[in-house]
Amino acid sequence: MDKNTQSEAEIEPQQPSVNRGAAISLKTLMAFVGIALLSLGTTFLREGRVGLDPFTAMNTGIAAKIGLGLGNTQLISNLVIFMIVLLLDRKKIGIGTIMNMILVGYEIQWFTTLYNQILPNSLNFLTISADLIIGLLLFTLGSSMYMGASLGVAPYDAIAPILSTRVHLKYRVARIGQDILFMIAGFFIGGPVGIATIIVAFFTGPLITYWNSHVSEKLLLRINNFSAQPSLKNAGTQIASFGRGGYRTVVKAYQMTEQIQRHKSAYTDSQLVEQLNESQQQLKEAGQIYENAQRQYKILVQEAKKRGKVVKGNLPGNRAE
């Protein structure tokens, strides 16, 4: 075995192959749920009158001006951008692109009708604050899930990467410039630009990162585990495991608050055992996530070799020979 072969063997231990059809189907479902949550979050922001993301704010203003529904207006705007993306970088397009492009505007309309039927329409400090907080949480969770599925990005989200490549700008500069331009357009056309517009455009990164590590990455891990051995029994196992993980996340939030108030040396014997068991479970989950990362790394290495790229260095934790 030569060094390259041995290095690759170290990078990727023997693992069961993934059923691609099952993986794509489940990731599509994940993206669909993410888009629905994103749209529901946008509805809360809309009804709280705290502003929308720059693109939806602009489309809402246009819809009001021309007397067209938000769903139709957003679809038309997306189609225009979609054609540009198709010409410049069609690799950005996937099933997630089509779903986001078609569904978001119409789902916001539907959720708005539902919101007004169920919740009171009176605006006060309490309802505005609740709409802002719930809206941002749902919007960022949905964004994390839809992007985490890696099935293509929304046409609007493809603009900055394309500009970055074509005009040789840093991605951050391109994205900030894009959001500012759409925000200004939304403001002058009468769209709902507000505090949430600024937050969504520039400050949701930490929340999306939180959802990535606590929800989306774990969900992807369960999808890959199930796709390796698709069966009803394995489906139940992965759903139960993900549910336990969600429960532990909620419990952990409370425990972190409690730990601030209590020094670790004050643990009773039973509490110490409980902490040890929890740490063991976290190590086990971390190991599964690492194995998944190894699998993705090998795929990227193979793709780089196909393109004639030299891969420098080794995956952390693997010893170079």
Protein backbone atom coordinates (compact mmCIF):
# COMPACT_ATOMS: atom_id res chain seq x y z
CA MET A 1 0.00 0.00 0.00
CA ASP A 2 1.56 3.34 -1.02
CA LYS A 3 1.44 6.47 1.11
CA ASN A 4 -1.49 8.04 -0.77
CA THR A 5 -3.58 4.88 -0.46
CA GLN A 6 -2.67 4.51 3.20
CA SER A 7 -3.49 8.17 3.89
CA GLU A 8 -6.89 7.76 2.25
CA ALA A 9 -7.53 4.61 4.26
CA GLU A 10 -6.81 6.54 7.43
CA ILE A 11 -9.05 9.38 6.33
CA GLU A 12 -12.03 7.11 5.76
CA PRO A 13 -12.63 3.97 7.78
CA GLN A 14 -14.84 1.27 6.29
CA GLN A 15 -18.44 2.45 6.47
CA PRO A 16 -21.67 1.29 4.90
CA SER A 17 -22.64 2.96 1.62
CA VAL A 18 -25.45 5.47 1.74
CA ASN A 19 -28.68 4.86 -0.19
CA ARG A 20 -28.60 8.01 -2.33
CA GLY A 21 -32.32 7.95 -3.11
CA ALA A 22 -33.28 7.74 0.55
CA ALA A 23 -30.79 10.46 1.49
CA ILE A 24 -32.03 12.88 -1.20
CA SER A 25 -35.67 12.23 -0.30
CA LEU A 26 -35.10 12.89 3.39
CA LYS A 27 -32.96 15.96 2.71
CA THR A 28 -35.73 17.27 0.44
CA LEU A 29 -38.19 16.80 3.30
CA MET A 30 -35.76 18.58 5.62
CA ALA A 31 -35.50 21.52 3.20
CA PHE A 32 -39.30 21.60 2.81
CA VAL A 33 -39.81 21.81 6.59
CA GLY A 34 -37.06 24.43 6.82
CA ILE A 35 -38.72 26.60 4.17
CA ALA A 36 -42.07 26.28 5.96
CA LEU A 37 -40.50 27.37 9.27
CA LEU A 38 -38.70 30.23 7.52
CA SER A 39 -42.01 31.38 6.01
CA LEU A 40 -43.81 31.06 9.35
CA GLY A 41 -41.09 33.13 11.02
CA THR A 42 -41.44 35.78 8.32
CA THR A 43 -45.19 35.84 8.99
CA PHE A 44 -44.62 36.64 12.68
CA LEU A 45 -42.23 39.45 11.71
CA ARG A 46 -44.74 40.75 9.17
CA GLU A 47 -47.67 40.76 11.58
CA GLY A 48 -45.54 42.32 14.32
CA ARG A 49 -44.79 45.23 11.96
CA VAL A 50 -41.08 44.96 12.81
CA GLY A 51 -39.78 44.59 9.25
CA LEU A 52 -38.92 41.73 6.91
CA ASP A 53 -35.74 40.46 5.28
CA PRO A 54 -34.58 42.86 2.51
CA PHE A 55 -35.79 40.72 -0.42
CA THR A 56 -39.26 40.01 0.99
CA ALA A 57 -39.59 43.63 2.16
CA MET A 58 -38.96 44.83 -1.40
CA ASN A 59 -41.40 42.31 -2.88
CA THR A 60 -44.07 43.22 -0.31
CA GLY A 61 -43.73 46.87 -1.34
CA ILE A 62 -43.97 45.99 -5.04
CA ALA A 63 -47.01 43.77 -4.41
CA ALA A 64 -48.80 46.64 -2.64
CA LYS A 65 -47.98 49.06 -5.48
CA ILE A 66 -49.17 46.86 -8.35
CA GLY A 67 -52.03 45.17 -6.52
CA LEU A 68 -50.61 41.66 -6.86
CA GLY A 69 -50.34 39.08 -4.09
CA LEU A 70 -47.00 38.55 -2.36
CA GLY A 71 -46.80 34.97 -3.61
CA ASN A 72 -47.05 35.97 -7.28
CA THR A 73 -44.77 38.98 -6.85
CA GLN A 74 -42.07 37.01 -5.04
CA LEU A 75 -42.27 34.23 -7.62
CA ILE A 76 -41.79 36.71 -10.50
CA SER A 77 -38.83 38.37 -8.75
CA ASN A 78 -37.30 34.97 -8.07
CA LEU A 79 -37.77 33.90 -11.69
CA VAL A 80 -35.88 36.98 -12.92
CA ILE A 81 -32.96 36.28 -10.58
CA PHE A 82 -33.19 32.55 -11.30
CA MET A 83 -32.62 33.13 -15.03
CA ILE A 84 -29.51 35.18 -14.25
CA VAL A 85 -28.20 32.48 -11.89
CA LEU A 86 -28.94 29.83 -14.53
CA LEU A 87 -26.77 31.69 -17.03
CA LEU A 88 -23.90 32.54 -14.68
CA ASP A 89 -23.60 29.60 -12.28
CA ARG A 90 -26.13 26.80 -12.61
CA LYS A 91 -24.26 24.75 -9.98
CA LYS A 92 -25.99 26.90 -7.36
CA ILE A 93 -29.36 25.51 -8.50
CA GLY A 94 -30.98 22.44 -6.97
CA ILE A 95 -34.34 21.16 -5.80
CA GLY A 96 -34.00 23.43 -2.76
CA THR A 97 -33.71 26.42 -5.10
CA ILE A 98 -36.97 25.57 -6.84
CA MET A 99 -38.79 24.88 -3.57
CA ASN A 100 -37.66 28.16 -1.99
CA MET A 101 -38.40 30.14 -5.14
CA ILE A 102 -41.96 28.85 -5.45
CA LEU A 103 -43.10 28.22 -1.88
CA VAL A 104 -41.95 31.09 0.36
CA GLY A 105 -44.21 33.87 -0.91
CA TYR A 106 -47.33 31.70 -1.02
CA GLU A 107 -46.61 30.15 2.37
CA ILE A 108 -46.27 33.62 3.92
CA GLN A 109 -49.70 34.49 2.49
CA TRP A 110 -51.22 31.28 3.86
CA PHE A 111 -49.60 31.61 7.29
CA THR A 112 -50.71 35.26 7.45
CA THR A 113 -54.34 34.22 6.96
CA LEU A 114 -53.93 31.53 9.61
CA TYR A 115 -52.22 33.95 12.00
CA ASN A 116 -55.06 36.46 11.75
CA GLN A 117 -57.66 33.74 12.34
CA ILE A 118 -55.97 32.37 15.46
CA LEU A 119 -54.10 35.23 17.13
CA PRO A 120 -55.35 38.68 18.18
CA ASN A 121 -54.52 41.47 15.75
CA SER A 122 -54.03 44.15 18.42
CA LEU A 123 -50.52 45.58 18.49
CA ASN A 124 -48.87 46.45 21.79
CA PHE A 125 -45.38 46.17 23.22
CA LEU A 126 -45.95 42.59 24.37
CA THR A 127 -47.28 41.26 21.06
CA ILE A 128 -44.67 43.14 19.02
CA SER A 129 -41.86 41.77 21.19
CA ALA A 130 -43.28 38.23 21.00
CA ASP A 131 -43.66 38.45 17.21
CA LEU A 132 -40.07 39.69 16.87
CA ILE A 133 -38.54 36.99 19.06
CA ILE A 134 -40.64 34.09 17.74
CA GLY A 135 -40.22 35.32 14.17
CA LEU A 136 -36.42 35.51 14.40
CA LEU A 137 -36.16 32.10 16.08
CA LEU A 138 -38.33 30.41 13.43
CA PHE A 139 -36.70 32.31 10.55
CA THR A 140 -33.17 31.33 11.59
CA LEU A 141 -34.14 27.72 12.38
CA GLY A 142 -35.80 27.39 8.97
CA SER A 143 -32.81 28.99 7.24
CA SER A 144 -30.46 26.56 8.99
CA MET A 145 -32.49 23.51 7.95
CA TYR A 146 -33.05 24.57 4.34
CA MET A 147 -29.40 25.54 3.82
CA GLY A 148 -28.13 22.55 5.81
CA ALA A 149 -29.84 20.16 3.40
CA SER A 150 -27.41 21.43 0.70
CA LEU A 151 -29.89 21.03 -2.14
CA GLY A 152 -29.30 24.42 -3.72
CA VAL A 153 -29.75 27.98 -2.52
CA ALA A 154 -32.53 30.50 -3.07
CA PRO A 155 -31.98 32.71 -6.13
CA TYR A 156 -31.49 35.74 -3.85
CA ASP A 157 -28.83 33.91 -1.82
CA ALA A 158 -26.94 33.00 -5.00
CA ILE A 159 -26.33 36.64 -5.97
CA ALA A 160 -23.50 37.38 -3.52
CA PRO A 161 -21.42 34.23 -4.26
CA ILE A 162 -21.68 34.88 -8.00
CA LEU A 163 -20.70 38.55 -7.56
CA SER A 164 -17.84 37.51 -5.32
CA THR A 165 -16.47 35.20 -8.02
CA ARG A 166 -17.16 37.37 -11.06
CA VAL A 167 -16.14 40.76 -9.66
CA HIS A 168 -13.45 39.44 -7.29
CA LEU A 169 -15.06 40.83 -4.16
CA LYS A 170 -14.97 39.28 -0.73
CA TYR A 171 -18.21 37.39 -0.12
CA ARG A 172 -18.96 39.47 2.98
CA VAL A 173 -18.64 42.74 1.04
CA ALA A 174 -20.82 41.43 -1.79
CA ARG A 175 -23.53 40.18 0.58
CA ILE A 176 -23.63 43.36 2.68
CA GLY A 177 -23.80 45.49 -0.47
CA GLN A 178 -26.59 43.31 -1.87
CA ASP A 179 -28.66 43.48 1.33
CA ILE A 180 -28.21 47.25 1.62
CA LEU A 181 -29.32 47.81 -1.99
CA PHE A 182 -32.44 45.66 -1.59
CA MET A 183 -33.16 47.28 1.77
CA ILE A 184 -33.01 50.75 0.21
CA ALA A 185 -35.20 49.59 -2.68
CA GLY A 186 -37.71 48.14 -0.22
CA PHE A 187 -37.76 51.36 1.81
CA PHE A 188 -38.38 53.65 -1.16
CA ILE A 189 -41.04 51.41 -2.66
CA GLY A 190 -42.93 51.35 0.64
CA GLY A 191 -41.99 47.87 1.85
CA PRO A 192 -41.92 46.91 5.54
CA VAL A 193 -38.34 47.85 6.43
CA GLY A 194 -37.70 47.91 10.17
CA ILE A 195 -35.50 46.69 12.99
CA ALA A 196 -36.00 43.05 11.96
CA THR A 197 -34.78 43.90 8.43
CA ILE A 198 -31.45 45.04 9.87
CA ILE A 199 -31.24 42.08 12.26
CA VAL A 200 -32.03 39.51 9.56
CA ALA A 201 -29.60 41.09 7.09
CA PHE A 202 -26.61 41.52 9.37
CA PHE A 203 -26.96 39.81 12.76
CA THR A 204 -28.62 36.39 12.40
CA GLY A 205 -25.34 34.52 11.88
CA PRO A 206 -24.90 33.44 15.54
CA LEU A 207 -28.47 32.13 15.74
CA ILE A 208 -28.16 30.18 12.49
CA THR A 209 -24.84 28.76 13.73
CA TYR A 210 -26.56 27.68 16.95
CA TRP A 211 -29.33 25.90 15.02
CA ASN A 212 -26.71 24.31 12.73
CA SER A 213 -24.89 22.65 15.61
CA HIS A 214 -27.96 21.78 17.71
CA VAL A 215 -30.48 20.79 15.02
CA SER A 216 -29.42 20.68 11.36
CA GLU A 217 -26.11 18.83 11.70
CA LYS A 218 -27.65 16.25 14.04
CA LEU A 219 -30.61 15.83 11.71
CA LEU A 220 -28.25 15.28 8.77
CA LEU A 221 -26.38 12.71 10.83
CA ARG A 222 -29.63 10.81 11.46
CA ILE A 223 -30.51 11.03 7.76
CA ASN A 224 -27.13 9.57 6.76
CA ASN A 225 -27.37 6.84 9.39
CA PHE A 226 -30.85 5.86 8.19
CA SER A 227 -29.85 6.04 4.51
CA ALA A 228 -27.02 3.58 5.16
CA GLN A 229 -29.59 1.00 6.39
CA PRO A 230 -33.09 2.11 5.33
CA SER A 231 -35.71 0.23 7.35
CA LEU A 232 -38.70 0.99 9.56
CA LYS A 233 -36.76 -0.12 12.62
CA ASN A 234 -33.81 2.12 11.79
CA ALA A 235 -36.19 5.01 11.04
CA GLY A 236 -37.72 4.65 14.50
CA THR A 237 -34.25 4.48 16.05
CA GLN A 238 -33.06 7.66 14.31
CA ILE A 239 -36.27 9.59 15.09
CA ALA A 240 -36.10 8.56 18.74
CA SER A 241 -32.41 9.47 18.90
CA PHE A 242 -33.04 12.89 17.36
CA GLY A 243 -35.98 13.45 19.73
CA ARG A 244 -33.81 12.61 22.71
CA GLY A 245 -31.20 15.02 21.40
CA GLY A 246 -33.78 17.82 21.17
CA TYR A 247 -34.98 17.08 24.68
CA ARG A 248 -31.42 17.16 25.98
CA THR A 249 -30.86 20.53 24.29
CA VAL A 250 -33.80 22.05 26.17
CA VAL A 251 -32.76 20.44 29.44
CA LYS A 252 -29.17 21.55 28.93
CA ALA A 253 -30.26 25.18 28.56
CA TYR A 254 -31.81 24.97 32.01
CA GLN A 255 -28.82 23.12 33.44
CA MET A 256 -26.39 25.74 32.15
CA THR A 257 -28.34 28.39 34.06
CA GLU A 258 -28.31 26.20 37.15
CA GLN A 259 -24.58 25.56 36.91
CA ILE A 260 -23.86 29.27 36.96
CA GLN A 261 -25.56 29.39 40.35
CA ARG A 262 -23.84 26.30 41.75
CA HIS A 263 -20.14 25.45 41.84
CA LYS A 264 -19.30 22.07 40.33
CA SER A 265 -17.59 20.89 43.51
CA ALA A 266 -20.96 21.07 45.24
CA TYR A 267 -22.36 18.19 43.15
CA THR A 268 -23.78 15.26 45.08
CA ASP A 269 -22.62 11.75 44.11
CA SER A 270 -25.76 11.13 42.05
CA GLN A 271 -25.40 14.49 40.27
CA LEU A 272 -21.76 13.69 39.47
CA VAL A 273 -22.75 10.33 37.97
CA GLU A 274 -25.45 12.07 35.95
CA GLN A 275 -22.91 14.57 34.58
CA LEU A 276 -20.52 11.75 33.68
CA ASN A 277 -23.28 9.88 31.81
CA GLU A 278 -24.25 13.02 29.93
CA SER A 279 -20.61 13.66 28.98
CA GLN A 280 -20.35 10.08 27.68
CA GLN A 281 -23.41 10.62 25.49
CA GLN A 282 -21.99 13.89 24.17
CA LEU A 283 -18.70 12.14 23.32
CA LYS A 284 -20.63 9.41 21.48
CA GLU A 285 -22.58 11.98 19.43
CA ALA A 286 -19.38 13.92 18.73
CA GLY A 287 -17.81 10.70 17.43
CA GLN A 288 -20.74 10.13 15.08
CA ILE A 289 -20.51 13.70 13.80
CA TYR A 290 -16.76 13.25 13.26
CA GLU A 291 -17.33 10.05 11.27
CA ASN A 292 -19.84 11.90 9.11
CA ALA A 293 -17.28 14.69 8.58
CA GLN A 294 -14.71 12.06 7.55
CA ARG A 295 -17.12 10.73 4.94
CA GLN A 296 -17.73 14.22 3.55
CA TYR A 297 -13.98 14.94 3.58
CA LYS A 298 -13.21 11.89 1.47
CA ILE A 299 -15.88 12.88 -1.06
CA LEU A 300 -14.30 16.34 -1.32
CA VAL A 301 -10.79 14.84 -1.66
CA GLN A 302 -11.98 12.59 -4.48
CA GLU A 303 -13.68 15.52 -6.24
CA ALA A 304 -10.52 17.63 -5.87
CA LYS A 305 -8.43 14.85 -7.43
CA LYS A 306 -10.86 14.60 -10.35
CA ARG A 307 -10.31 18.31 -10.97
CA GLY A 308 -6.54 17.89 -10.72
CA LYS A 309 -6.24 19.82 -7.48
CA VAL A 310 -3.49 19.01 -5.00
CA VAL A 311 -4.86 18.29 -1.52
CA LYS A 312 -2.40 19.44 1.12
CA GLY A 313 -2.37 18.22 4.68
CA ASN A 314 -4.34 15.50 6.40
CA LEU A 315 -7.64 15.34 8.18
CA PRO A 316 -7.07 16.36 11.84
CA GLY A 317 -6.59 13.26 13.93
CA ASN A 318 -5.01 11.24 11.12
CA ARG A 319 -1.27 10.60 11.17
CA ALA A 320 0.62 11.33 7.98
CA GLU A 321 3.05 8.64 6.96
